[in-house]
PDB file of N, CA and C in Angstrom:
ATOM      1  N   MET A   1     -14.779 -26.503-138.296  1.00  0.00           N
ATOM      2  CA  MET A   1     -14.828 -25.960-137.228  1.00  0.00           C
ATOM      3  C   MET A   1     -14.091 -25.555-136.343  1.00  0.00           C
ATOM      4  N   LYS A   2     -13.988 -24.662-136.071  1.00  0.00           N
ATOM      5  CA  LYS A   2     -13.062 -23.567-134.821  1.00  0.00           C
ATOM      6  C   LYS A   2     -13.281 -24.101-133.543  1.00  0.00           C
ATOM      7  N   THR A   3     -12.447 -24.794-132.510  1.00  0.00           N
ATOM      8  CA  THR A   3     -12.905 -24.937-131.375  1.00  0.00           C
ATOM      9  C   THR A   3     -12.846 -23.979-130.154  1.00  0.00           C
ATOM     10  N   LEU A   4     -13.874 -22.867-129.637  1.00  0.00           N
ATOM     11  CA  LEU A   4     -13.746 -22.619-128.599  1.00  0.00           C
ATOM     12  C   LEU A   4     -13.849 -23.144-127.151  1.00  0.00           C
ATOM     13  N   LEU A   5     -13.344 -23.141-126.194  1.00  0.00           N
ATOM     14  CA  LEU A   5     -12.525 -23.306-124.830  1.00  0.00           C
ATOM     15  C   LEU A   5     -12.998 -22.727-123.936  1.00  0.00           C
ATOM     16  N   ILE A   6     -14.545 -22.962-123.219  1.00  0.00           N
ATOM     17  CA  ILE A   6     -15.083 -21.579-122.207  1.00  0.00           C
ATOM     18  C   ILE A   6     -15.416 -22.406-121.127  1.00  0.00           C
ATOM     19  N   ASP A   7     -14.723 -21.566-119.753  1.00  0.00           N
ATOM     20  CA  ASP A   7     -14.602 -21.759-118.809  1.00  0.00           C
ATOM     21  C   ASP A   7     -15.729 -22.063-118.035  1.00  0.00           C
ATOM     22  N   LEU A   8     -16.441 -22.798-116.960  1.00  0.00           N
ATOM     23  CA  LEU A   8     -17.603 -23.049-116.439  1.00  0.00           C
ATOM     24  C   LEU A   8     -18.164 -22.251-115.536  1.00  0.00           C
ATOM     25  N   ASP A   9     -17.218 -21.750-114.338  1.00  0.00           N
ATOM     26  CA  ASP A   9     -16.801 -20.899-113.198  1.00  0.00           C
ATOM     27  C   ASP A   9     -17.035 -20.121-112.988  1.00  0.00           C
ATOM     28  N   GLY A  10     -17.743 -18.836-113.471  1.00  0.00           N
ATOM     29  CA  GLY A  10     -17.569 -17.587-113.423  1.00  0.00           C
ATOM     30  C   GLY A  10     -17.421 -17.085-114.676  1.00  0.00           C
ATOM     31  N   VAL A  11     -17.997 -18.250-116.085  1.00  0.00           N
ATOM     32  CA  VAL A  11     -18.210 -17.539-117.019  1.00  0.00           C
ATOM     33  C   VAL A  11     -19.348 -17.826-117.611  1.00  0.00           C
ATOM     34  N   LEU A  12     -19.973 -19.499-117.308  1.00  0.00           N
ATOM     35  CA  LEU A  12     -21.256 -19.896-117.637  1.00  0.00           C
ATOM     36  C   LEU A  12     -22.299 -19.604-116.730  1.00  0.00           C
ATOM     37  N   ASN A  13     -21.466 -19.817-115.221  1.00  0.00           N
ATOM     38  CA  ASN A  13     -22.250 -19.270-114.434  1.00  0.00           C
ATOM     39  C   ASN A  13     -21.664 -19.165-113.556  1.00  0.00           C
ATOM     40  N   THR A  14     -23.064 -18.622-112.130  1.00  0.00           N
ATOM     41  CA  THR A  14     -23.104 -17.124-111.493  1.00  0.00           C
ATOM     42  C   THR A  14     -21.656 -17.511-110.331  1.00  0.00           C
ATOM     43  N   TYR A  15     -20.657 -18.316-110.283  1.00  0.00           N
ATOM     44  CA  TYR A  15     -19.997 -18.421-109.404  1.00  0.00           C
ATOM     45  C   TYR A  15     -19.270 -17.067-108.987  1.00  0.00           C
ATOM     46  N   CYS A  16     -19.144 -17.284-107.693  1.00  0.00           N
ATOM     47  CA  CYS A  16     -18.218 -15.740-107.159  1.00  0.00           C
ATOM     48  C   CYS A  16     -17.293 -16.272-105.927  1.00  0.00           C
ATOM     49  N   GLY A  17     -16.380 -17.446-106.169  1.00  0.00           N
ATOM     50  CA  GLY A  17     -15.379 -17.513-105.016  1.00  0.00           C
ATOM     51  C   GLY A  17     -16.369 -18.537-104.442  1.00  0.00           C
ATOM     52  N   ASP A  18     -17.705 -18.730-104.372  1.00  0.00           N
ATOM     53  CA  ASP A  18     -17.787 -19.732-103.685  1.00  0.00           C
ATOM     54  C   ASP A  18     -17.807 -21.158-103.707  1.00  0.00           C
ATOM     55  N   TYR A  19     -16.612 -22.167-104.053  1.00  0.00           N
ATOM     56  CA  TYR A  19     -16.840 -22.934-104.884  1.00  0.00           C
ATOM     57  C   TYR A  19     -17.529 -24.058-103.569  1.00  0.00           C
ATOM     58  N   ASN A  20     -17.434 -25.134-104.607  1.00  0.00           N
ATOM     59  CA  ASN A  20     -18.547 -26.136-103.763  1.00  0.00           C
ATOM     60  C   ASN A  20     -18.497 -27.534-104.482  1.00  0.00           C
ATOM     61  N   GLU A  21     -17.746 -28.216-104.135  1.00  0.00           N
ATOM     62  CA  GLU A  21     -17.359 -29.515-105.088  1.00  0.00           C
ATOM     63  C   GLU A  21     -18.376 -30.258-105.556  1.00  0.00           C
ATOM     64  N   TYR A  22     -19.701 -30.597-105.007  1.00  0.00           N
ATOM     65  CA  TYR A  22     -21.405 -31.055-105.166  1.00  0.00           C
ATOM     66  C   TYR A  22     -22.028 -29.705-105.743  1.00  0.00           C
ATOM     67  N   GLU A  23     -21.740 -29.032-105.750  1.00  0.00           N
ATOM     68  CA  GLU A  23     -23.017 -28.362-106.637  1.00  0.00           C
ATOM     69  C   GLU A  23     -22.606 -27.297-107.292  1.00  0.00           C
ATOM     70  N   ILE A  24     -22.977 -26.466-108.657  1.00  0.00           N
ATOM     71  CA  ILE A  24     -22.451 -26.088-109.315  1.00  0.00           C
ATOM     72  C   ILE A  24     -23.885 -24.728-109.454  1.00  0.00           C
ATOM     73  N   SER A  25     -23.454 -24.041-108.959  1.00  0.00           N
ATOM     74  CA  SER A  25     -23.558 -22.499-109.491  1.00  0.00           C
ATOM     75  C   SER A  25     -25.366 -22.618-110.627  1.00  0.00           C
ATOM     76  N   PRO A  26     -25.891 -21.430-110.285  1.00  0.00           N
ATOM     77  CA  PRO A  26     -27.132 -21.401-111.447  1.00  0.00           C
ATOM     78  C   PRO A  26     -26.205 -20.731-112.890  1.00  0.00           C
ATOM     79  N   PRO A  27     -27.151 -21.211-114.026  1.00  0.00           N
ATOM     80  CA  PRO A  27     -26.095 -20.424-114.892  1.00  0.00           C
ATOM     81  C   PRO A  27     -26.170 -19.170-114.637  1.00  0.00           C
ATOM     82  N   ARG A  28     -25.650 -18.705-116.024  1.00  0.00           N
ATOM     83  CA  ARG A  28     -25.564 -16.998-115.650  1.00  0.00           C
ATOM     84  C   ARG A  28     -26.718 -16.565-117.206  1.00  0.00           C
ATOM     85  N   GLU A  29     -27.167 -15.129-116.338  1.00  0.00           N
ATOM     86  CA  GLU A  29     -28.322 -14.575-117.524  1.00  0.00           C
ATOM     87  C   GLU A  29     -27.846 -14.262-118.734  1.00  0.00           C
ATOM     88  N   GLY A  30     -28.450 -15.425-119.636  1.00  0.00           N
ATOM     89  CA  GLY A  30     -28.205 -15.006-121.472  1.00  0.00           C
ATOM     90  C   GLY A  30     -27.263 -16.450-122.392  1.00  0.00           C
ATOM     91  N   VAL A  31     -27.081 -17.070-120.606  1.00  0.00           N
ATOM     92  CA  VAL A  31     -25.919 -17.957-121.429  1.00  0.00           C
ATOM     93  C   VAL A  31     -26.521 -19.013-122.146  1.00  0.00           C
ATOM     94  N   TRP A  32     -27.709 -19.214-122.213  1.00  0.00           N
ATOM     95  CA  TRP A  32     -28.294 -20.181-123.328  1.00  0.00           C
ATOM     96  C   TRP A  32     -28.164 -19.724-124.764  1.00  0.00           C
ATOM     97  N   GLU A  33     -28.527 -18.896-124.899  1.00  0.00           N
ATOM     98  CA  GLU A  33     -28.895 -17.472-125.748  1.00  0.00           C
ATOM     99  C   GLU A  33     -27.411 -17.361-126.139  1.00  0.00           C
ATOM    100  N   PHE A  34     -26.437 -17.313-125.882  1.00  0.00           N
ATOM    101  CA  PHE A  34     -25.037 -17.286-126.089  1.00  0.00           C
ATOM    102  C   PHE A  34     -24.555 -18.776-126.573  1.00  0.00           C
ATOM    103  N   LEU A  35     -24.714 -19.534-125.855  1.00  0.00           N
ATOM    104  CA  LEU A  35     -24.256 -21.105-126.702  1.00  0.00           C
ATOM    105  C   LEU A  35     -25.027 -21.227-128.041  1.00  0.00           C
ATOM    106  N   GLU A  36     -26.258 -21.487-127.902  1.00  0.00           N
ATOM    107  CA  GLU A  36     -27.153 -21.563-129.072  1.00  0.00           C
ATOM    108  C   GLU A  36     -26.524 -20.504-130.151  1.00  0.00           C
ATOM    109  N   LYS A  37     -26.286 -19.472-130.094  1.00  0.00           N
ATOM    110  CA  LYS A  37     -25.275 -18.667-130.937  1.00  0.00           C
ATOM    111  C   LYS A  37     -24.076 -19.107-131.542  1.00  0.00           C
ATOM    112  N   ILE A  38     -23.579 -18.979-130.418  1.00  0.00           N
ATOM    113  CA  ILE A  38     -21.912 -19.240-130.716  1.00  0.00           C
ATOM    114  C   ILE A  38     -21.813 -20.798-131.357  1.00  0.00           C
ATOM    115  N   SER A  39     -22.551 -21.978-130.806  1.00  0.00           N
ATOM    116  CA  SER A  39     -22.399 -23.279-131.016  1.00  0.00           C
ATOM    117  C   SER A  39     -22.614 -23.304-132.518  1.00  0.00           C
ATOM    118  N   LYS A  40     -23.563 -22.512-133.298  1.00  0.00           N
ATOM    119  CA  LYS A  40     -23.460 -22.354-134.752  1.00  0.00           C
ATOM    120  C   LYS A  40     -21.731 -22.508-135.424  1.00  0.00           C
ATOM    121  N   GLN A  41     -21.182 -21.582-134.922  1.00  0.00           N
ATOM    122  CA  GLN A  41     -20.009 -21.291-135.455  1.00  0.00           C
ATOM    123  C   GLN A  41     -18.656 -21.677-134.903  1.00  0.00           C
ATOM    124  N   TYR A  42     -18.674 -22.336-133.972  1.00  0.00           N
ATOM    125  CA  TYR A  42     -17.779 -22.938-132.996  1.00  0.00           C
ATOM    126  C   TYR A  42     -17.932 -23.841-132.597  1.00  0.00           C
ATOM    127  N   ARG A  43     -17.201 -25.458-132.651  1.00  0.00           N
ATOM    128  CA  ARG A  43     -17.637 -26.045-131.850  1.00  0.00           C
ATOM    129  C   ARG A  43     -17.394 -25.642-130.084  1.00  0.00           C
ATOM    130  N   VAL A  44     -18.112 -25.655-128.993  1.00  0.00           N
ATOM    131  CA  VAL A  44     -17.650 -25.517-128.340  1.00  0.00           C
ATOM    132  C   VAL A  44     -17.497 -26.724-126.950  1.00  0.00           C
ATOM    133  N   GLU A  45     -16.345 -26.338-126.382  1.00  0.00           N
ATOM    134  CA  GLU A  45     -15.941 -27.498-125.263  1.00  0.00           C
ATOM    135  C   GLU A  45     -15.928 -26.479-124.386  1.00  0.00           C
ATOM    136  N   ILE A  46     -16.337 -27.511-122.561  1.00  0.00           N
ATOM    137  CA  ILE A  46     -15.969 -26.712-121.610  1.00  0.00           C
ATOM    138  C   ILE A  46     -15.028 -26.916-120.998  1.00  0.00           C
ATOM    139  N   PHE A  47     -14.310 -25.948-120.098  1.00  0.00           N
ATOM    140  CA  PHE A  47     -13.109 -26.361-119.437  1.00  0.00           C
ATOM    141  C   PHE A  47     -13.722 -26.187-117.737  1.00  0.00           C
ATOM    142  N   THR A  48     -12.913 -27.316-116.850  1.00  0.00           N
ATOM    143  CA  THR A  48     -13.917 -27.330-115.864  1.00  0.00           C
ATOM    144  C   THR A  48     -12.497 -28.090-114.934  1.00  0.00           C
ATOM    145  N   VAL A  49     -12.586 -28.137-113.206  1.00  0.00           N
ATOM    146  CA  VAL A  49     -11.392 -28.742-112.976  1.00  0.00           C
ATOM    147  C   VAL A  49     -12.585 -29.594-112.223  1.00  0.00           C
ATOM    148  N   ARG A  50     -14.457 -29.471-112.308  1.00  0.00           N
ATOM    149  CA  ARG A  50     -15.677 -30.274-111.570  1.00  0.00           C
ATOM    150  C   ARG A  50     -15.616 -31.458-112.176  1.00  0.00           C
ATOM    151  N   ASP A  51     -16.168 -31.965-111.456  1.00  0.00           N
ATOM    152  CA  ASP A  51     -16.050 -33.406-111.918  1.00  0.00           C
ATOM    153  C   ASP A  51     -17.132 -33.875-112.965  1.00  0.00           C
ATOM    154  N   LYS A  52     -16.830 -34.705-113.928  1.00  0.00           N
ATOM    155  CA  LYS A  52     -17.507 -34.619-115.437  1.00  0.00           C
ATOM    156  C   LYS A  52     -18.672 -34.624-114.899  1.00  0.00           C
ATOM    157  N   GLU A  53     -19.250 -35.947-114.141  1.00  0.00           N
ATOM    158  CA  GLU A  53     -20.170 -36.206-114.279  1.00  0.00           C
ATOM    159  C   GLU A  53     -21.226 -35.600-114.225  1.00  0.00           C
ATOM    160  N   LEU A  54     -20.645 -34.476-113.162  1.00  0.00           N
ATOM    161  CA  LEU A  54     -21.360 -33.481-112.440  1.00  0.00           C
ATOM    162  C   LEU A  54     -21.454 -32.040-113.177  1.00  0.00           C
ATOM    163  N   THR A  55     -20.750 -31.949-113.987  1.00  0.00           N
ATOM    164  CA  THR A  55     -21.125 -30.756-115.311  1.00  0.00           C
ATOM    165  C   THR A  55     -21.759 -31.211-116.176  1.00  0.00           C
ATOM    166  N   GLN A  56     -21.970 -32.366-116.891  1.00  0.00           N
ATOM    167  CA  GLN A  56     -22.869 -33.196-117.452  1.00  0.00           C
ATOM    168  C   GLN A  56     -24.251 -32.519-116.786  1.00  0.00           C
ATOM    169  N   LYS A  57     -24.190 -33.205-115.960  1.00  0.00           N
ATOM    170  CA  LYS A  57     -25.635 -33.160-115.379  1.00  0.00           C
ATOM    171  C   LYS A  57     -26.174 -31.523-115.047  1.00  0.00           C
ATOM    172  N   TRP A  58     -25.698 -30.501-115.098  1.00  0.00           N
ATOM    173  CA  TRP A  58     -25.570 -29.425-114.840  1.00  0.00           C
ATOM    174  C   TRP A  58     -26.071 -28.831-116.060  1.00  0.00           C
ATOM    175  N   LEU A  59     -25.658 -29.283-117.121  1.00  0.00           N
ATOM    176  CA  LEU A  59     -25.601 -28.986-118.653  1.00  0.00           C
ATOM    177  C   LEU A  59     -26.776 -29.453-119.011  1.00  0.00           C
ATOM    178  N   ASN A  60     -27.312 -30.674-118.724  1.00  0.00           N
ATOM    179  CA  ASN A  60     -28.733 -31.296-118.996  1.00  0.00           C
ATOM    180  C   ASN A  60     -29.517 -31.051-118.247  1.00  0.00           C
ATOM    181  N   ASP A  61     -29.663 -30.685-117.181  1.00  0.00           N
ATOM    182  CA  ASP A  61     -30.484 -29.823-115.966  1.00  0.00           C
ATOM    183  C   ASP A  61     -30.885 -28.168-116.622  1.00  0.00           C
ATOM    184  N   ASN A  62     -29.631 -28.087-117.162  1.00  0.00           N
ATOM    185  CA  ASN A  62     -30.762 -26.071-117.413  1.00  0.00           C
ATOM    186  C   ASN A  62     -30.470 -26.353-119.469  1.00  0.00           C
ATOM    187  N   ASN A  63     -30.163 -27.550-119.885  1.00  0.00           N
ATOM    188  CA  ASN A  63     -30.712 -28.386-121.230  1.00  0.00           C
ATOM    189  C   ASN A  63     -29.650 -27.151-122.289  1.00  0.00           C
ATOM    190  N   LEU A  64     -28.173 -27.208-121.733  1.00  0.00           N
ATOM    191  CA  LEU A  64     -27.351 -26.481-122.502  1.00  0.00           C
ATOM    192  C   LEU A  64     -26.337 -28.073-123.508  1.00  0.00           C
ATOM    193  N   ASN A  65     -26.574 -28.745-122.796  1.00  0.00           N
ATOM    194  CA  ASN A  65     -25.810 -29.922-123.504  1.00  0.00           C
ATOM    195  C   ASN A  65     -25.831 -30.139-125.046  1.00  0.00           C
ATOM    196  N   LYS A  66     -26.944 -29.255-125.599  1.00  0.00           N
ATOM    197  CA  LYS A  66     -26.865 -29.775-126.886  1.00  0.00           C
ATOM    198  C   LYS A  66     -26.025 -28.586-127.579  1.00  0.00           C
ATOM    199  N   PHE A  67     -25.966 -27.503-126.847  1.00  0.00           N
ATOM    200  CA  PHE A  67     -24.538 -26.901-127.571  1.00  0.00           C
ATOM    201  C   PHE A  67     -22.874 -27.194-127.269  1.00  0.00           C
ATOM    202  N   VAL A  68     -22.555 -28.049-126.634  1.00  0.00           N
ATOM    203  CA  VAL A  68     -21.515 -28.142-125.996  1.00  0.00           C
ATOM    204  C   VAL A  68     -20.861 -29.808-126.363  1.00  0.00           C
ATOM    205  N   SER A  69     -19.516 -29.785-126.849  1.00  0.00           N
ATOM    206  CA  SER A  69     -19.505 -31.302-127.437  1.00  0.00           C
ATOM    207  C   SER A  69     -18.419 -31.588-126.651  1.00  0.00           C
ATOM    208  N   ASN A  70     -17.924 -31.020-125.934  1.00  0.00           N
ATOM    209  CA  ASN A  70     -16.660 -31.825-124.685  1.00  0.00           C
ATOM    210  C   ASN A  70     -16.896 -31.413-123.666  1.00  0.00           C
ATOM    211  N   ILE A  71     -16.748 -32.080-122.813  1.00  0.00           N
ATOM    212  CA  ILE A  71     -15.691 -31.274-121.446  1.00  0.00           C
ATOM    213  C   ILE A  71     -14.934 -31.836-120.630  1.00  0.00           C
ATOM    214  N   THR A  72     -14.046 -30.565-120.945  1.00  0.00           N
ATOM    215  CA  THR A  72     -12.200 -31.154-120.475  1.00  0.00           C
ATOM    216  C   THR A  72     -11.542 -30.671-119.464  1.00  0.00           C
ATOM    217  N   ASN A  73     -11.059 -30.931-118.547  1.00  0.00           N
ATOM    218  CA  ASN A  73      -9.907 -30.594-117.360  1.00  0.00           C
ATOM    219  C   ASN A  73      -8.543 -30.468-117.774  1.00  0.00           C
ATOM    220  N   THR A  74      -8.650 -30.011-119.274  1.00  0.00           N
ATOM    221  CA  THR A  74      -7.387 -29.680-119.864  1.00  0.00           C
ATOM    222  C   THR A  74      -7.854 -28.861-120.807  1.00  0.00           C
ATOM    223  N   LYS A  75      -6.465 -27.406-120.549  1.00  0.00           N
ATOM    224  CA  LYS A  75      -7.173 -26.469-121.942  1.00  0.00           C
ATOM    225  C   LYS A  75      -6.092 -27.103-123.338  1.00  0.00           C
ATOM    226  N   SER A  76      -6.596 -27.011-123.831  1.00  0.00           N
ATOM    227  CA  SER A  76      -6.643 -27.680-125.295  1.00  0.00           C
ATOM    228  C   SER A  76      -5.426 -26.568-125.737  1.00  0.00           C
ATOM    229  N   PRO A  77      -4.320 -26.882-126.752  1.00  0.00           N
ATOM    230  CA  PRO A  77      -3.826 -26.530-127.570  1.00  0.00           C
ATOM    231  C   PRO A  77      -4.228 -25.904-128.632  1.00  0.00           C
ATOM    232  N   TYR A  78      -5.296 -26.337-129.273  1.00  0.00           N
ATOM    233  CA  TYR A  78      -6.367 -26.652-130.849  1.00  0.00           C
ATOM    234  C   TYR A  78      -7.315 -25.504-130.972  1.00  0.00           C
ATOM    235  N   ALA A  79      -7.446 -25.308-129.345  1.00  0.00           N
ATOM    236  CA  ALA A  79      -8.399 -23.925-129.442  1.00  0.00           C
ATOM    237  C   ALA A  79      -8.401 -23.040-130.224  1.00  0.00           C
ATOM    238  N   SER A  80      -9.078 -22.718-130.345  1.00  0.00           N
ATOM    239  CA  SER A  80      -9.212 -21.333-131.631  1.00  0.00           C
ATOM    240  C   SER A  80      -9.223 -20.489-130.222  1.00  0.00           C
ATOM    241  N   ILE A  81     -10.005 -20.097-129.455  1.00  0.00           N
ATOM    242  CA  ILE A  81     -10.139 -18.972-128.682  1.00  0.00           C
ATOM    243  C   ILE A  81     -10.571 -19.985-126.935  1.00  0.00           C
ATOM    244  N   ILE A  82     -10.238 -19.372-125.779  1.00  0.00           N
ATOM    245  CA  ILE A  82     -10.514 -19.687-124.603  1.00  0.00           C
ATOM    246  C   ILE A  82     -10.837 -18.446-123.845  1.00  0.00           C
ATOM    247  N   ILE A  83     -12.316 -18.615-123.702  1.00  0.00           N
ATOM    248  CA  ILE A  83     -12.679 -17.832-122.540  1.00  0.00           C
ATOM    249  C   ILE A  83     -12.759 -18.218-121.339  1.00  0.00           C
ATOM    250  N   ASP A  84     -12.240 -17.439-120.076  1.00  0.00           N
ATOM    251  CA  ASP A  84     -11.905 -17.204-118.597  1.00  0.00           C
ATOM    252  C   ASP A  84     -12.208 -16.381-118.287  1.00  0.00           C
ATOM    253  N   ASP A  85     -12.508 -16.362-116.249  1.00  0.00           N
ATOM    254  CA  ASP A  85     -12.757 -15.514-115.982  1.00  0.00           C
ATOM    255  C   ASP A  85     -11.441 -14.973-115.109  1.00  0.00           C
ATOM    256  N   ARG A  86      -9.982 -15.478-114.887  1.00  0.00           N
ATOM    257  CA  ARG A  86      -8.988 -15.505-114.884  1.00  0.00           C
ATOM    258  C   ARG A  86      -8.479 -15.459-115.645  1.00  0.00           C
ATOM    259  N   ALA A  87      -8.354 -15.015-117.134  1.00  0.00           N
ATOM    260  CA  ALA A  87      -6.975 -14.723-117.734  1.00  0.00           C
ATOM    261  C   ALA A  87      -7.035 -13.679-117.992  1.00  0.00           C
ATOM    262  N   LEU A  88      -5.651 -13.432-118.790  1.00  0.00           N
ATOM    263  CA  LEU A  88      -5.233 -12.045-119.462  1.00  0.00           C
ATOM    264  C   LEU A  88      -4.609 -12.417-120.762  1.00  0.00           C
ATOM    265  N   ASN A  89      -5.455 -11.774-121.550  1.00  0.00           N
ATOM    266  CA  ASN A  89      -4.829 -11.148-122.858  1.00  0.00           C
ATOM    267  C   ASN A  89      -3.136 -10.988-123.344  1.00  0.00           C
ATOM    268  N   PHE A  90      -2.544 -11.210-123.430  1.00  0.00           N
ATOM    269  CA  PHE A  90      -1.054 -11.036-124.077  1.00  0.00           C
ATOM    270  C   PHE A  90      -1.144 -10.332-125.035  1.00  0.00           C
ATOM    271  N   ASN A  91      -0.224  -9.134-125.205  1.00  0.00           N
ATOM    272  CA  ASN A  91      -0.417  -7.931-126.023  1.00  0.00           C
ATOM    273  C   ASN A  91       0.623  -7.264-126.531  1.00  0.00           C
ATOM    274  N   GLY A  92       1.750  -8.285-126.170  1.00  0.00           N
ATOM    275  CA  GLY A  92       2.810  -8.700-126.864  1.00  0.00           C
ATOM    276  C   GLY A  92       3.988  -7.510-126.085  1.00  0.00           C
ATOM    277  N   ASN A  93       3.688  -7.119-125.086  1.00  0.00           N
ATOM    278  CA  ASN A  93       4.108  -6.156-124.133  1.00  0.00           C
ATOM    279  C   ASN A  93       4.600  -6.591-123.062  1.00  0.00           C
ATOM    280  N   PHE A  94       5.624  -7.128-122.383  1.00  0.00           N
ATOM    281  CA  PHE A  94       5.768  -7.488-120.938  1.00  0.00           C
ATOM    282  C   PHE A  94       5.385  -6.385-119.719  1.00  0.00           C
ATOM    283  N   ASN A  95       5.451  -5.115-120.022  1.00  0.00           N
ATOM    284  CA  ASN A  95       5.108  -4.280-119.064  1.00  0.00           C
ATOM    285  C   ASN A  95       4.033  -4.103-118.698  1.00  0.00           C
ATOM    286  N   ASP A  96       3.282  -3.975-120.211  1.00  0.00           N
ATOM    287  CA  ASP A  96       1.656  -4.214-119.974  1.00  0.00           C
ATOM    288  C   ASP A  96       1.674  -5.072-118.933  1.00  0.00           C
ATOM    289  N   THR A  97       1.906  -6.644-119.554  1.00  0.00           N
ATOM    290  CA  THR A  97       1.442  -7.817-118.956  1.00  0.00           C
ATOM    291  C   THR A  97       2.129  -7.448-117.055  1.00  0.00           C
ATOM    292  N   ILE A  98       2.975  -7.093-116.932  1.00  0.00           N
ATOM    293  CA  ILE A  98       3.202  -6.951-115.352  1.00  0.00           C
ATOM    294  C   ILE A  98       1.949  -6.134-114.160  1.00  0.00           C
ATOM    295  N   ASP A  99       2.049  -4.792-115.516  1.00  0.00           N
ATOM    296  CA  ASP A  99       0.896  -4.307-114.871  1.00  0.00           C
ATOM    297  C   ASP A  99      -0.227  -4.434-114.874  1.00  0.00           C
ATOM    298  N   ALA A 100      -1.173  -5.509-115.810  1.00  0.00           N
ATOM    299  CA  ALA A 100      -2.473  -5.781-115.496  1.00  0.00           C
ATOM    300  C   ALA A 100      -2.429  -7.316-114.492  1.00  0.00           C
ATOM    301  N   ILE A 101      -1.648  -8.465-114.892  1.00  0.00           N
ATOM    302  CA  ILE A 101      -1.536  -8.909-113.228  1.00  0.00           C
ATOM    303  C   ILE A 101      -1.033  -8.155-112.155  1.00  0.00           C
ATOM    304  N   VAL A 102      -0.690  -7.493-111.663  1.00  0.00           N
ATOM    305  CA  VAL A 102      -0.633  -6.492-110.127  1.00  0.00           C
ATOM    306  C   VAL A 102      -2.352  -6.120-110.071  1.00  0.00           C
ATOM    307  N   LYS A 103      -2.800  -5.719-111.215  1.00  0.00           N
ATOM    308  CA  LYS A 103      -4.213  -5.263-111.271  1.00  0.00           C
ATOM    309  C   LYS A 103      -5.166  -5.798-111.235  1.00  0.00           C
ATOM    310  N   PHE A 104      -5.179  -7.239-111.704  1.00  0.00           N
ATOM    311  CA  PHE A 104      -5.832  -8.449-111.872  1.00  0.00           C
ATOM    312  C   PHE A 104      -6.922  -8.931-110.849  1.00  0.00           C
ATOM    313  N   LYS A 105      -8.179  -8.550-111.461  1.00  0.00           N
ATOM    314  CA  LYS A 105      -9.160  -9.646-110.192  1.00  0.00           C
ATOM    315  C   LYS A 105     -10.295 -10.007-111.557  1.00  0.00           C
ATOM    316  N   PRO A 106     -11.031 -11.315-110.833  1.00  0.00           N
ATOM    317  CA  PRO A 106     -12.003 -11.649-111.852  1.00  0.00           C
ATOM    318  C   PRO A 106     -13.194 -10.779-111.844  1.00  0.00           C
ATOM    319  N   HIS A 107     -13.958 -10.819-112.645  1.00  0.00           N
ATOM    320  CA  HIS A 107     -14.833  -9.744-113.188  1.00  0.00           C
ATOM    321  C   HIS A 107     -15.981  -9.818-111.664  1.00  0.00           C
ATOM    322  N   TRP A 108     -16.193 -11.175-111.539  1.00  0.00           N
ATOM    323  CA  TRP A 108     -17.189 -11.025-110.199  1.00  0.00           C
ATOM    324  C   TRP A 108     -16.356 -10.619-108.406  1.00  0.00           C
ATOM    325  N   ARG A 109     -15.590 -10.463-108.929  1.00  0.00           N
ATOM    326  CA  ARG A 109     -14.727  -9.676-107.250  1.00  0.00           C
ATOM    327  C   ARG A 109     -15.384  -8.312-107.016  1.00  0.00           C
ATOM    328  N   ASP A 110     -15.768  -7.503-108.197  1.00  0.00           N
ATOM    329  CA  ASP A 110     -16.643  -6.130-108.232  1.00  0.00           C
ATOM    330  C   ASP A 110     -17.815  -7.221-107.140  1.00  0.00           C
ATOM    331  N   LEU A 111     -18.840  -7.928-107.496  1.00  0.00           N
ATOM    332  CA  LEU A 111     -20.234  -8.005-107.083  1.00  0.00           C
ATOM    333  C   LEU A 111     -19.855  -8.450-105.776  1.00  0.00           C
ATOM    334  N   SER A 112     -19.086  -8.888-105.373  1.00  0.00           N
ATOM    335  CA  SER A 112     -19.025  -9.273-103.510  1.00  0.00           C
ATOM    336  C   SER A 112     -19.336  -7.980-102.691  1.00  0.00           C
TER     337      SER A 112
END
């Protein structure tokens, strides 16, 4: 089974730049259904710089733990796909990449 690495803040939860190291924002609407569906085809790992125990508690409290096989603070080179709110997909063209870098903002910046 291939590994899917998913960022916690800004992807699975409603984080919008208001980082609190002791509290994780509520789950994003539809995350339970998303993880249920995708975990049938991929080994799901959560990527976060947050405390692992706090993250595990958040997963347990929101009944998401059954879909997640690992919590890590390292972006694994073995992941088949990485989902992150602060990432760009390289399309093979450096000029396009420079343009995307200059224009980049995470999706939640439009919500502020």
